[in-house]
Amino acid sequence: MIGLLLFLSCNTEPVIHQAIVVEKEILQINEHEPYKAGILRRGPLKQGYWDRPPDVRVCATAPISQRRVEKGLDFWRKLGYSFGTVTYNDTTRHCVEDIFSYGTIIIDLIDGTHREPAVATTTTWIDSDTREILKAKIVMKSRWANVERVLEHEFGHAFGFKDYNREGHIMHHNWGLAGRNTRGLVKPE
């Protein structure tokens, strides 16, 4: 029995989930329906847009290094995206009370409300009329936080992209099948 459990725990691929929940006039999108992303498009579906570059707040409880966050930010900067102020080791109400301002991406430790085997999830709040992204929260498991491509994928959701299940693409929901392909992600000028 123990051998079977060890086999199952060693052979499960990390998956990132996504779903859509309507709350009044704001769409709250978190990752619980990865298989709805199509593979026939020329890139991932984009559900919303930031009105201005979002600030990034890395909570003091976030299990990720500053170096890893900088790599994730640089990945998206090279695609034409911008960020506002980046704050590390944040202990303000944004992180402590789980109340954060619009125009912000929060990065924190995953809590017990997320489905297994998710290694990280992103919840993005989008105005249903204008499609403006209001805020986003990325939460990560400790042992996956500093792994290559995890934060880059989650920033993709924070920028409004859905999963794109083409092998080798950064937005593939399965980390083991994902890669560094960014087709369809470059920000139009």
N, C-alpha and C. Protein backbone atom coordinates (compact mmCIF):
# COMPACT_ATOMS: atom_id res chain seq x y z
N MET A 1 0.82 -1.20 0.00
CA MET A 1 0.00 0.00 0.00
C MET A 1 0.87 1.27 0.00
N ILE A 2 1.90 1.28 0.85
CA ILE A 2 2.78 2.44 0.91
C ILE A 2 3.51 2.62 -0.42
N GLY A 3 3.91 1.51 -1.03
CA GLY A 3 4.57 1.59 -2.33
C GLY A 3 3.68 2.22 -3.37
N LEU A 4 2.39 1.90 -3.38
CA LEU A 4 1.43 2.49 -4.33
C LEU A 4 1.30 3.99 -4.10
N LEU A 5 1.20 4.39 -2.82
CA LEU A 5 1.09 5.82 -2.51
C LEU A 5 2.34 6.57 -2.96
N LEU A 6 3.52 6.00 -2.74
CA LEU A 6 4.75 6.65 -3.19
C LEU A 6 4.78 6.75 -4.70
N PHE A 7 4.33 5.70 -5.38
CA PHE A 7 4.27 5.72 -6.84
C PHE A 7 3.35 6.83 -7.33
N LEU A 8 2.16 6.93 -6.73
CA LEU A 8 1.20 7.96 -7.15
C LEU A 8 1.74 9.35 -6.87
N SER A 9 2.38 9.55 -5.72
CA SER A 9 2.87 10.89 -5.41
C SER A 9 4.05 11.28 -6.28
N CYS A 10 4.80 10.32 -6.77
CA CYS A 10 5.96 10.61 -7.61
C CYS A 10 5.60 10.77 -9.07
N ASN A 11 4.42 10.30 -9.46
CA ASN A 11 4.07 10.29 -10.87
C ASN A 11 2.90 11.20 -11.21
N THR A 12 2.61 12.16 -10.36
CA THR A 12 1.56 13.11 -10.69
C THR A 12 2.21 14.36 -11.26
N GLU A 13 1.71 14.83 -12.36
CA GLU A 13 2.24 16.05 -12.98
C GLU A 13 1.63 17.27 -12.30
N PRO A 14 2.42 18.28 -12.01
CA PRO A 14 1.86 19.49 -11.45
C PRO A 14 0.96 20.18 -12.47
N VAL A 15 -0.18 20.61 -12.03
CA VAL A 15 -1.17 21.22 -12.91
C VAL A 15 -1.58 22.56 -12.35
N ILE A 16 -1.88 23.49 -13.21
CA ILE A 16 -2.37 24.80 -12.81
C ILE A 16 -3.81 24.90 -13.29
N HIS A 17 -4.73 25.32 -12.43
CA HIS A 17 -6.17 25.29 -12.73
C HIS A 17 -6.74 26.68 -12.98
N GLN A 18 -7.92 26.73 -13.64
CA GLN A 18 -8.55 28.01 -13.93
C GLN A 18 -10.08 27.86 -14.00
N ALA A 19 -10.84 28.86 -13.54
CA ALA A 19 -12.31 28.88 -13.63
C ALA A 19 -12.80 30.32 -13.65
N ILE A 20 -14.06 30.49 -14.01
CA ILE A 20 -14.65 31.83 -14.05
C ILE A 20 -15.85 31.86 -13.12
N VAL A 21 -15.92 32.88 -12.27
CA VAL A 21 -17.03 33.07 -11.36
C VAL A 21 -17.50 34.50 -11.54
N VAL A 22 -18.79 34.71 -11.74
CA VAL A 22 -19.31 36.06 -11.91
C VAL A 22 -19.75 36.59 -10.55
N GLU A 23 -19.22 37.73 -10.16
CA GLU A 23 -19.61 38.40 -8.92
C GLU A 23 -20.07 39.81 -9.28
N LYS A 24 -21.37 40.01 -9.30
CA LYS A 24 -21.95 41.30 -9.67
C LYS A 24 -21.41 41.74 -11.03
N GLU A 25 -20.68 42.87 -11.06
CA GLU A 25 -20.18 43.37 -12.33
C GLU A 25 -18.71 43.05 -12.54
N ILE A 26 -18.14 42.27 -11.65
CA ILE A 26 -16.72 41.94 -11.77
C ILE A 26 -16.60 40.44 -11.98
N LEU A 27 -15.82 40.05 -12.98
CA LEU A 27 -15.52 38.64 -13.17
C LEU A 27 -14.32 38.31 -12.32
N GLN A 28 -14.47 37.31 -11.48
CA GLN A 28 -13.32 36.83 -10.71
C GLN A 28 -12.89 35.54 -11.35
N ILE A 29 -11.71 35.54 -11.89
CA ILE A 29 -11.22 34.38 -12.62
C ILE A 29 -10.10 33.74 -11.84
N ASN A 30 -10.30 32.48 -11.43
CA ASN A 30 -9.20 31.74 -10.85
C ASN A 30 -9.03 30.46 -11.64
N GLU A 31 -8.02 29.71 -11.32
CA GLU A 31 -7.63 28.61 -12.18
C GLU A 31 -8.22 27.28 -11.74
N HIS A 32 -9.40 26.91 -12.29
CA HIS A 32 -10.00 25.63 -11.95
C HIS A 32 -10.58 24.90 -13.15
N GLU A 33 -10.42 25.36 -14.36
CA GLU A 33 -10.93 24.70 -15.56
C GLU A 33 -9.89 24.71 -16.67
N PRO A 34 -8.76 24.04 -16.51
CA PRO A 34 -7.69 24.16 -17.50
C PRO A 34 -8.03 23.56 -18.85
N TYR A 35 -8.90 22.61 -18.91
CA TYR A 35 -9.14 21.90 -20.16
C TYR A 35 -10.03 22.66 -21.13
N LYS A 36 -10.55 23.81 -20.72
CA LYS A 36 -11.38 24.61 -21.62
C LYS A 36 -10.53 25.47 -22.56
N ALA A 37 -9.24 25.52 -22.34
CA ALA A 37 -8.36 26.31 -23.21
C ALA A 37 -8.16 25.55 -24.51
N GLY A 38 -8.28 26.26 -25.61
CA GLY A 38 -8.16 25.62 -26.91
C GLY A 38 -6.74 25.51 -27.39
N ILE A 39 -6.49 24.57 -28.33
CA ILE A 39 -5.16 24.45 -28.89
C ILE A 39 -5.14 24.84 -30.36
N LEU A 40 -6.28 25.21 -30.92
CA LEU A 40 -6.33 25.54 -32.33
C LEU A 40 -6.08 27.02 -32.61
N ARG A 41 -6.16 27.85 -31.57
CA ARG A 41 -5.88 29.27 -31.75
C ARG A 41 -4.39 29.48 -31.97
N ARG A 42 -4.02 30.67 -32.43
CA ARG A 42 -2.61 31.00 -32.64
C ARG A 42 -1.94 31.47 -31.36
N GLY A 43 -2.62 31.40 -30.28
CA GLY A 43 -2.08 31.79 -28.98
C GLY A 43 -3.18 31.74 -27.95
N PRO A 44 -2.85 31.96 -26.69
CA PRO A 44 -3.86 31.89 -25.64
C PRO A 44 -4.89 33.01 -25.73
N LEU A 45 -6.09 32.70 -25.31
CA LEU A 45 -7.17 33.68 -25.26
C LEU A 45 -6.87 34.70 -24.17
N LYS A 46 -7.06 35.98 -24.50
CA LYS A 46 -6.84 37.05 -23.52
C LYS A 46 -8.20 37.56 -23.07
N GLN A 47 -8.43 37.54 -21.76
CA GLN A 47 -9.73 37.88 -21.21
C GLN A 47 -9.84 39.32 -20.72
N GLY A 48 -8.72 39.99 -20.51
CA GLY A 48 -8.78 41.34 -19.97
C GLY A 48 -7.46 42.07 -20.16
N TYR A 49 -7.47 43.35 -19.81
CA TYR A 49 -6.32 44.23 -20.01
C TYR A 49 -6.17 45.16 -18.82
N TRP A 50 -4.93 45.41 -18.42
CA TRP A 50 -4.66 46.40 -17.38
C TRP A 50 -4.75 47.79 -18.00
N ASP A 51 -5.37 48.73 -17.28
CA ASP A 51 -5.48 50.11 -17.73
C ASP A 51 -4.13 50.82 -17.62
N ARG A 52 -3.36 50.45 -16.62
CA ARG A 52 -2.02 50.99 -16.40
C ARG A 52 -1.16 49.87 -15.86
N PRO A 53 0.16 50.00 -15.90
CA PRO A 53 1.02 48.93 -15.38
C PRO A 53 0.71 48.63 -13.91
N PRO A 54 0.50 47.37 -13.58
CA PRO A 54 0.15 47.03 -12.19
C PRO A 54 1.37 47.08 -11.26
N ASP A 55 1.11 47.48 -10.02
CA ASP A 55 2.13 47.37 -8.98
C ASP A 55 2.21 45.89 -8.60
N VAL A 56 3.35 45.47 -8.10
CA VAL A 56 3.53 44.09 -7.64
C VAL A 56 3.96 44.14 -6.18
N ARG A 57 3.26 43.38 -5.35
CA ARG A 57 3.59 43.29 -3.93
C ARG A 57 3.88 41.84 -3.59
N VAL A 58 5.10 41.57 -3.16
CA VAL A 58 5.49 40.22 -2.76
C VAL A 58 5.37 40.18 -1.23
N CYS A 59 4.41 39.41 -0.74
CA CYS A 59 4.16 39.34 0.70
C CYS A 59 5.34 38.72 1.44
N ALA A 60 5.50 39.12 2.69
CA ALA A 60 6.58 38.57 3.52
C ALA A 60 6.44 37.05 3.65
N THR A 61 5.24 36.55 3.56
CA THR A 61 4.99 35.10 3.67
C THR A 61 5.13 34.37 2.34
N ALA A 62 5.37 35.09 1.26
CA ALA A 62 5.53 34.45 -0.05
C ALA A 62 6.79 33.59 -0.05
N PRO A 63 6.70 32.39 -0.61
CA PRO A 63 7.85 31.47 -0.55
C PRO A 63 8.84 31.64 -1.70
N ILE A 64 8.88 32.82 -2.30
CA ILE A 64 9.67 33.02 -3.52
C ILE A 64 10.80 34.02 -3.27
N SER A 65 11.91 33.82 -3.94
CA SER A 65 13.05 34.72 -3.76
C SER A 65 12.89 35.97 -4.63
N GLN A 66 13.55 37.04 -4.21
CA GLN A 66 13.53 38.28 -4.98
C GLN A 66 14.13 38.04 -6.37
N ARG A 67 15.18 37.25 -6.43
CA ARG A 67 15.83 36.94 -7.71
C ARG A 67 14.84 36.26 -8.66
N ARG A 68 14.05 35.32 -8.14
CA ARG A 68 13.08 34.60 -8.97
C ARG A 68 11.98 35.54 -9.45
N VAL A 69 11.53 36.45 -8.58
CA VAL A 69 10.51 37.42 -8.98
C VAL A 69 11.06 38.30 -10.09
N GLU A 70 12.30 38.77 -9.95
CA GLU A 70 12.91 39.62 -10.98
C GLU A 70 12.99 38.89 -12.32
N LYS A 71 13.32 37.61 -12.30
CA LYS A 71 13.36 36.83 -13.55
C LYS A 71 11.96 36.77 -14.18
N GLY A 72 10.94 36.56 -13.36
CA GLY A 72 9.57 36.52 -13.88
C GLY A 72 9.14 37.86 -14.46
N LEU A 73 9.48 38.93 -13.78
CA LEU A 73 9.16 40.27 -14.27
C LEU A 73 9.88 40.54 -15.59
N ASP A 74 11.16 40.19 -15.65
CA ASP A 74 11.95 40.42 -16.87
C ASP A 74 11.40 39.62 -18.05
N PHE A 75 10.93 38.42 -17.80
CA PHE A 75 10.34 37.59 -18.86
C PHE A 75 9.20 38.36 -19.54
N TRP A 76 8.32 38.96 -18.73
CA TRP A 76 7.17 39.69 -19.29
C TRP A 76 7.57 41.06 -19.83
N ARG A 77 8.56 41.68 -19.25
CA ARG A 77 9.05 42.97 -19.78
C ARG A 77 9.56 42.79 -21.21
N LYS A 78 10.26 41.68 -21.45
CA LYS A 78 10.78 41.41 -22.79
C LYS A 78 9.66 41.21 -23.81
N LEU A 79 8.47 40.88 -23.33
CA LEU A 79 7.31 40.72 -24.22
C LEU A 79 6.54 42.03 -24.38
N GLY A 80 7.02 43.11 -23.76
CA GLY A 80 6.41 44.43 -23.92
C GLY A 80 5.51 44.87 -22.78
N TYR A 81 5.45 44.11 -21.69
CA TYR A 81 4.59 44.46 -20.56
C TYR A 81 5.37 45.27 -19.54
N SER A 82 4.66 46.10 -18.81
CA SER A 82 5.29 46.97 -17.81
C SER A 82 4.69 46.71 -16.45
N PHE A 83 5.45 47.05 -15.44
CA PHE A 83 5.00 46.95 -14.06
C PHE A 83 5.22 48.29 -13.39
N GLY A 84 4.41 48.60 -12.40
CA GLY A 84 4.60 49.80 -11.60
C GLY A 84 5.64 49.51 -10.53
N THR A 85 5.37 49.94 -9.34
CA THR A 85 6.26 49.74 -8.20
C THR A 85 6.27 48.27 -7.80
N VAL A 86 7.45 47.74 -7.51
CA VAL A 86 7.58 46.37 -7.01
C VAL A 86 8.04 46.45 -5.56
N THR A 87 7.25 45.86 -4.65
CA THR A 87 7.54 45.88 -3.22
C THR A 87 7.80 44.47 -2.74
N TYR A 88 8.93 44.28 -2.06
CA TYR A 88 9.30 42.96 -1.51
C TYR A 88 9.08 42.94 0.00
N ASN A 89 8.87 41.74 0.53
CA ASN A 89 8.73 41.52 1.97
C ASN A 89 7.61 42.38 2.55
N ASP A 90 6.51 42.46 1.83
CA ASP A 90 5.39 43.33 2.19
C ASP A 90 4.65 42.79 3.41
N THR A 91 4.47 43.64 4.40
CA THR A 91 3.70 43.28 5.60
C THR A 91 2.52 44.24 5.79
N THR A 92 2.15 44.98 4.74
CA THR A 92 1.03 45.91 4.84
C THR A 92 -0.29 45.15 4.79
N ARG A 93 -1.38 45.87 4.89
CA ARG A 93 -2.71 45.27 4.87
C ARG A 93 -2.98 44.47 3.59
N HIS A 94 -2.27 44.81 2.52
CA HIS A 94 -2.44 44.09 1.26
C HIS A 94 -2.18 42.60 1.45
N CYS A 95 -1.22 42.29 2.28
CA CYS A 95 -0.85 40.89 2.52
C CYS A 95 -1.41 40.34 3.83
N VAL A 96 -1.38 41.14 4.87
CA VAL A 96 -1.78 40.66 6.19
C VAL A 96 -3.29 40.46 6.28
N GLU A 97 -4.08 41.40 5.79
CA GLU A 97 -5.53 41.32 5.90
C GLU A 97 -6.19 40.74 4.66
N ASP A 98 -5.39 40.41 3.66
CA ASP A 98 -5.91 39.87 2.40
C ASP A 98 -6.88 40.84 1.74
N ILE A 99 -6.66 42.13 1.96
CA ILE A 99 -7.43 43.19 1.30
C ILE A 99 -6.41 44.00 0.50
N PHE A 100 -6.55 43.98 -0.82
CA PHE A 100 -5.56 44.72 -1.58
C PHE A 100 -6.20 45.59 -2.63
N SER A 101 -5.47 46.62 -2.99
CA SER A 101 -5.97 47.67 -3.87
C SER A 101 -6.04 47.24 -5.32
N TYR A 102 -6.93 47.90 -6.04
CA TYR A 102 -6.96 47.72 -7.49
C TYR A 102 -5.63 48.20 -8.05
N GLY A 103 -5.28 47.68 -9.20
CA GLY A 103 -4.03 48.05 -9.84
C GLY A 103 -2.83 47.31 -9.27
N THR A 104 -3.09 46.19 -8.58
CA THR A 104 -2.04 45.48 -7.87
C THR A 104 -2.05 43.99 -8.18
N ILE A 105 -0.85 43.42 -8.30
CA ILE A 105 -0.67 41.97 -8.34
C ILE A 105 0.01 41.59 -7.03
N ILE A 106 -0.63 40.71 -6.27
CA ILE A 106 -0.08 40.21 -5.01
C ILE A 106 0.53 38.84 -5.25
N ILE A 107 1.68 38.55 -4.63
CA ILE A 107 2.28 37.22 -4.66
C ILE A 107 2.39 36.76 -3.21
N ASP A 108 1.83 35.56 -2.93
CA ASP A 108 1.82 35.06 -1.56
C ASP A 108 1.90 33.54 -1.53
N LEU A 109 1.94 33.00 -0.34
CA LEU A 109 1.95 31.56 -0.10
C LEU A 109 0.55 31.00 -0.35
N ILE A 110 0.46 29.84 -0.98
CA ILE A 110 -0.83 29.20 -1.24
C ILE A 110 -1.47 28.80 0.09
N ASP A 111 -2.78 28.88 0.16
CA ASP A 111 -3.47 28.45 1.38
C ASP A 111 -4.22 27.16 1.09
N GLY A 112 -5.01 26.71 2.01
CA GLY A 112 -5.69 25.43 1.88
C GLY A 112 -6.93 25.43 1.01
N THR A 113 -7.26 26.54 0.37
CA THR A 113 -8.50 26.60 -0.42
C THR A 113 -8.32 26.21 -1.87
N HIS A 114 -7.11 25.90 -2.29
CA HIS A 114 -6.84 25.61 -3.69
C HIS A 114 -6.78 24.11 -3.94
N ARG A 115 -7.28 23.71 -5.10
CA ARG A 115 -7.36 22.29 -5.45
C ARG A 115 -6.00 21.70 -5.74
N GLU A 116 -5.82 20.46 -5.32
CA GLU A 116 -4.62 19.70 -5.67
C GLU A 116 -4.78 19.20 -7.09
N PRO A 117 -3.76 19.00 -7.84
CA PRO A 117 -2.35 19.15 -7.49
C PRO A 117 -1.77 20.49 -7.91
N ALA A 118 -2.55 21.55 -7.82
CA ALA A 118 -2.06 22.87 -8.24
C ALA A 118 -0.80 23.26 -7.48
N VAL A 119 0.21 23.71 -8.21
CA VAL A 119 1.45 24.19 -7.60
C VAL A 119 1.38 25.69 -7.36
N ALA A 120 0.49 26.35 -8.08
CA ALA A 120 0.27 27.79 -7.95
C ALA A 120 -1.06 28.10 -8.62
N THR A 121 -1.72 29.14 -8.16
CA THR A 121 -2.94 29.60 -8.82
C THR A 121 -2.97 31.12 -8.84
N THR A 122 -3.71 31.64 -9.79
CA THR A 122 -3.88 33.09 -9.90
C THR A 122 -5.37 33.39 -9.98
N THR A 123 -5.80 34.34 -9.19
CA THR A 123 -7.16 34.85 -9.27
C THR A 123 -7.06 36.27 -9.83
N THR A 124 -7.81 36.54 -10.88
CA THR A 124 -7.78 37.84 -11.55
C THR A 124 -9.18 38.41 -11.54
N TRP A 125 -9.33 39.65 -11.09
CA TRP A 125 -10.62 40.33 -11.07
C TRP A 125 -10.71 41.24 -12.29
N ILE A 126 -11.74 41.04 -13.11
CA ILE A 126 -11.90 41.76 -14.37
C ILE A 126 -13.27 42.42 -14.41
N ASP A 127 -13.31 43.70 -14.77
CA ASP A 127 -14.58 44.40 -14.95
C ASP A 127 -15.30 43.78 -16.14
N SER A 128 -16.52 43.28 -15.92
CA SER A 128 -17.23 42.55 -16.98
C SER A 128 -17.67 43.44 -18.14
N ASP A 129 -17.79 44.74 -17.92
CA ASP A 129 -18.20 45.65 -19.00
C ASP A 129 -17.01 46.13 -19.82
N THR A 130 -15.95 46.55 -19.15
CA THR A 130 -14.81 47.16 -19.86
C THR A 130 -13.69 46.16 -20.16
N ARG A 131 -13.70 45.01 -19.51
CA ARG A 131 -12.65 43.99 -19.60
C ARG A 131 -11.34 44.46 -18.96
N GLU A 132 -11.41 45.53 -18.18
CA GLU A 132 -10.22 46.02 -17.48
C GLU A 132 -9.90 45.08 -16.32
N ILE A 133 -8.63 44.69 -16.21
CA ILE A 133 -8.19 43.89 -15.06
C ILE A 133 -8.01 44.85 -13.90
N LEU A 134 -8.67 44.53 -12.79
CA LEU A 134 -8.65 45.41 -11.62
C LEU A 134 -7.55 45.05 -10.64
N LYS A 135 -7.35 43.74 -10.43
CA LYS A 135 -6.32 43.27 -9.52
C LYS A 135 -6.13 41.77 -9.75
N ALA A 136 -5.02 41.24 -9.22
CA ALA A 136 -4.74 39.81 -9.36
C ALA A 136 -3.96 39.34 -8.14
N LYS A 137 -4.16 38.07 -7.81
CA LYS A 137 -3.42 37.48 -6.69
C LYS A 137 -2.86 36.14 -7.12
N ILE A 138 -1.55 36.00 -7.00
CA ILE A 138 -0.83 34.77 -7.31
C ILE A 138 -0.46 34.12 -5.98
N VAL A 139 -0.83 32.85 -5.82
CA VAL A 139 -0.42 32.11 -4.63
C VAL A 139 0.33 30.87 -5.08
N MET A 140 1.39 30.53 -4.33
CA MET A 140 2.29 29.46 -4.74
C MET A 140 2.61 28.52 -3.59
N LYS A 141 2.83 27.24 -3.93
CA LYS A 141 3.31 26.28 -2.95
C LYS A 141 4.80 26.54 -2.72
N SER A 142 5.23 26.33 -1.50
CA SER A 142 6.63 26.61 -1.13
C SER A 142 7.63 25.90 -2.03
N ARG A 143 7.44 24.62 -2.25
CA ARG A 143 8.48 23.89 -2.98
C ARG A 143 8.47 24.17 -4.47
N TRP A 144 7.46 24.85 -4.98
CA TRP A 144 7.39 25.17 -6.41
C TRP A 144 7.66 26.64 -6.71
N ALA A 145 7.71 27.47 -5.71
CA ALA A 145 7.78 28.91 -5.93
C ALA A 145 9.00 29.35 -6.73
N ASN A 146 10.14 28.71 -6.53
CA ASN A 146 11.36 29.13 -7.20
C ASN A 146 11.70 28.28 -8.42
N VAL A 147 10.76 27.45 -8.85
CA VAL A 147 10.97 26.61 -10.02
C VAL A 147 10.75 27.44 -11.28
N GLU A 148 11.64 27.26 -12.27
CA GLU A 148 11.54 27.98 -13.54
C GLU A 148 10.15 27.82 -14.15
N ARG A 149 9.63 28.87 -14.74
CA ARG A 149 8.40 28.95 -15.53
C ARG A 149 7.12 29.01 -14.71
N VAL A 150 7.14 28.70 -13.42
CA VAL A 150 5.90 28.72 -12.63
C VAL A 150 5.40 30.15 -12.50
N LEU A 151 6.24 31.07 -12.03
CA LEU A 151 5.82 32.46 -11.87
C LEU A 151 5.52 33.10 -13.22
N GLU A 152 6.31 32.78 -14.24
CA GLU A 152 6.06 33.34 -15.57
C GLU A 152 4.65 32.96 -16.04
N HIS A 153 4.27 31.71 -15.83
CA HIS A 153 2.93 31.23 -16.20
C HIS A 153 1.86 32.00 -15.42
N GLU A 154 2.08 32.16 -14.13
CA GLU A 154 1.09 32.85 -13.29
C GLU A 154 0.97 34.33 -13.65
N PHE A 155 2.09 34.97 -13.98
CA PHE A 155 2.00 36.36 -14.46
C PHE A 155 1.15 36.41 -15.74
N GLY A 156 1.23 35.38 -16.56
CA GLY A 156 0.38 35.32 -17.76
C GLY A 156 -1.09 35.40 -17.41
N HIS A 157 -1.50 34.65 -16.37
CA HIS A 157 -2.90 34.74 -15.92
C HIS A 157 -3.19 36.13 -15.35
N ALA A 158 -2.23 36.70 -14.63
CA ALA A 158 -2.43 38.04 -14.07
C ALA A 158 -2.57 39.08 -15.17
N PHE A 159 -2.01 38.82 -16.35
CA PHE A 159 -2.17 39.71 -17.50
C PHE A 159 -3.39 39.35 -18.33
N GLY A 160 -4.20 38.41 -17.85
CA GLY A 160 -5.48 38.10 -18.50
C GLY A 160 -5.48 36.92 -19.45
N PHE A 161 -4.38 36.22 -19.59
CA PHE A 161 -4.33 35.09 -20.53
C PHE A 161 -4.87 33.81 -19.88
N LYS A 162 -5.60 33.05 -20.67
CA LYS A 162 -6.07 31.73 -20.23
C LYS A 162 -4.99 30.70 -20.55
N ASP A 163 -5.17 29.50 -20.02
CA ASP A 163 -4.27 28.41 -20.36
C ASP A 163 -4.35 28.13 -21.85
N TYR A 164 -3.24 27.67 -22.42
CA TYR A 164 -3.13 27.37 -23.84
C TYR A 164 -2.39 26.04 -23.94
N ASN A 165 -3.14 24.99 -24.15
CA ASN A 165 -2.58 23.66 -24.02
C ASN A 165 -1.86 23.16 -25.26
N ARG A 166 -0.90 23.94 -25.68
CA ARG A 166 0.01 23.53 -26.76
C ARG A 166 1.35 23.20 -26.11
N GLU A 167 1.83 22.00 -26.35
CA GLU A 167 3.07 21.55 -25.73
C GLU A 167 4.21 22.54 -26.01
N GLY A 168 4.94 22.88 -24.96
CA GLY A 168 6.07 23.80 -25.07
C GLY A 168 5.72 25.26 -24.83
N HIS A 169 4.42 25.59 -24.72
CA HIS A 169 4.00 26.98 -24.51
C HIS A 169 4.02 27.30 -23.02
N ILE A 170 4.43 28.51 -22.68
CA ILE A 170 4.52 28.93 -21.28
C ILE A 170 3.15 28.89 -20.59
N MET A 171 2.05 29.02 -21.34
CA MET A 171 0.72 29.03 -20.74
C MET A 171 0.05 27.65 -20.73
N HIS A 172 0.80 26.60 -21.01
CA HIS A 172 0.25 25.25 -20.89
C HIS A 172 -0.05 25.00 -19.42
N HIS A 173 -1.20 24.39 -19.12
CA HIS A 173 -1.61 24.21 -17.72
C HIS A 173 -0.77 23.17 -16.99
N ASN A 174 -0.09 22.31 -17.70
CA ASN A 174 0.71 21.25 -17.08
C ASN A 174 2.18 21.65 -17.15
N TRP A 175 2.81 21.89 -16.01
CA TRP A 175 4.19 22.35 -15.97
C TRP A 175 5.12 21.42 -16.75
N GLY A 176 4.90 20.13 -16.67
CA GLY A 176 5.76 19.17 -17.35
C GLY A 176 5.69 19.25 -18.87
N LEU A 177 4.59 19.77 -19.41
CA LEU A 177 4.43 19.90 -20.86
C LEU A 177 4.66 21.33 -21.34
N ALA A 178 4.84 22.24 -20.41
CA ALA A 178 5.04 23.65 -20.77
C ALA A 178 6.49 23.88 -21.17
N GLY A 179 6.74 25.06 -21.69
CA GLY A 179 8.09 25.44 -22.10
C GLY A 179 8.21 26.94 -22.11
N ARG A 180 9.04 27.46 -22.99
CA ARG A 180 9.26 28.91 -23.06
C ARG A 180 8.66 29.55 -24.31
N ASN A 181 7.86 28.81 -25.06
CA ASN A 181 7.19 29.37 -26.23
C ASN A 181 6.23 30.46 -25.78
N THR A 182 6.29 31.63 -26.42
CA THR A 182 5.44 32.77 -26.04
C THR A 182 4.51 33.22 -27.17
N ARG A 183 4.27 32.35 -28.13
CA ARG A 183 3.41 32.72 -29.25
C ARG A 183 2.07 33.27 -28.76
N GLY A 184 1.70 34.43 -29.27
CA GLY A 184 0.44 35.07 -28.91
C GLY A 184 0.48 35.92 -27.67
N LEU A 185 1.64 36.04 -27.02
CA LEU A 185 1.73 36.79 -25.78
C LEU A 185 2.35 38.18 -25.93
N VAL A 186 3.05 38.43 -27.03
CA VAL A 186 3.71 39.72 -27.20
C VAL A 186 2.66 40.82 -27.19
N LYS A 187 2.93 41.85 -26.40
CA LYS A 187 1.97 42.95 -26.24
C LYS A 187 1.95 43.78 -27.52
N PRO A 188 0.74 43.97 -28.09
CA PRO A 188 0.65 44.82 -29.28
C PRO A 188 0.95 46.28 -28.93
N GLU A 189 1.56 46.97 -29.85
CA GLU A 189 1.91 48.38 -29.59
C GLU A 189 0.78 49.31 -29.93
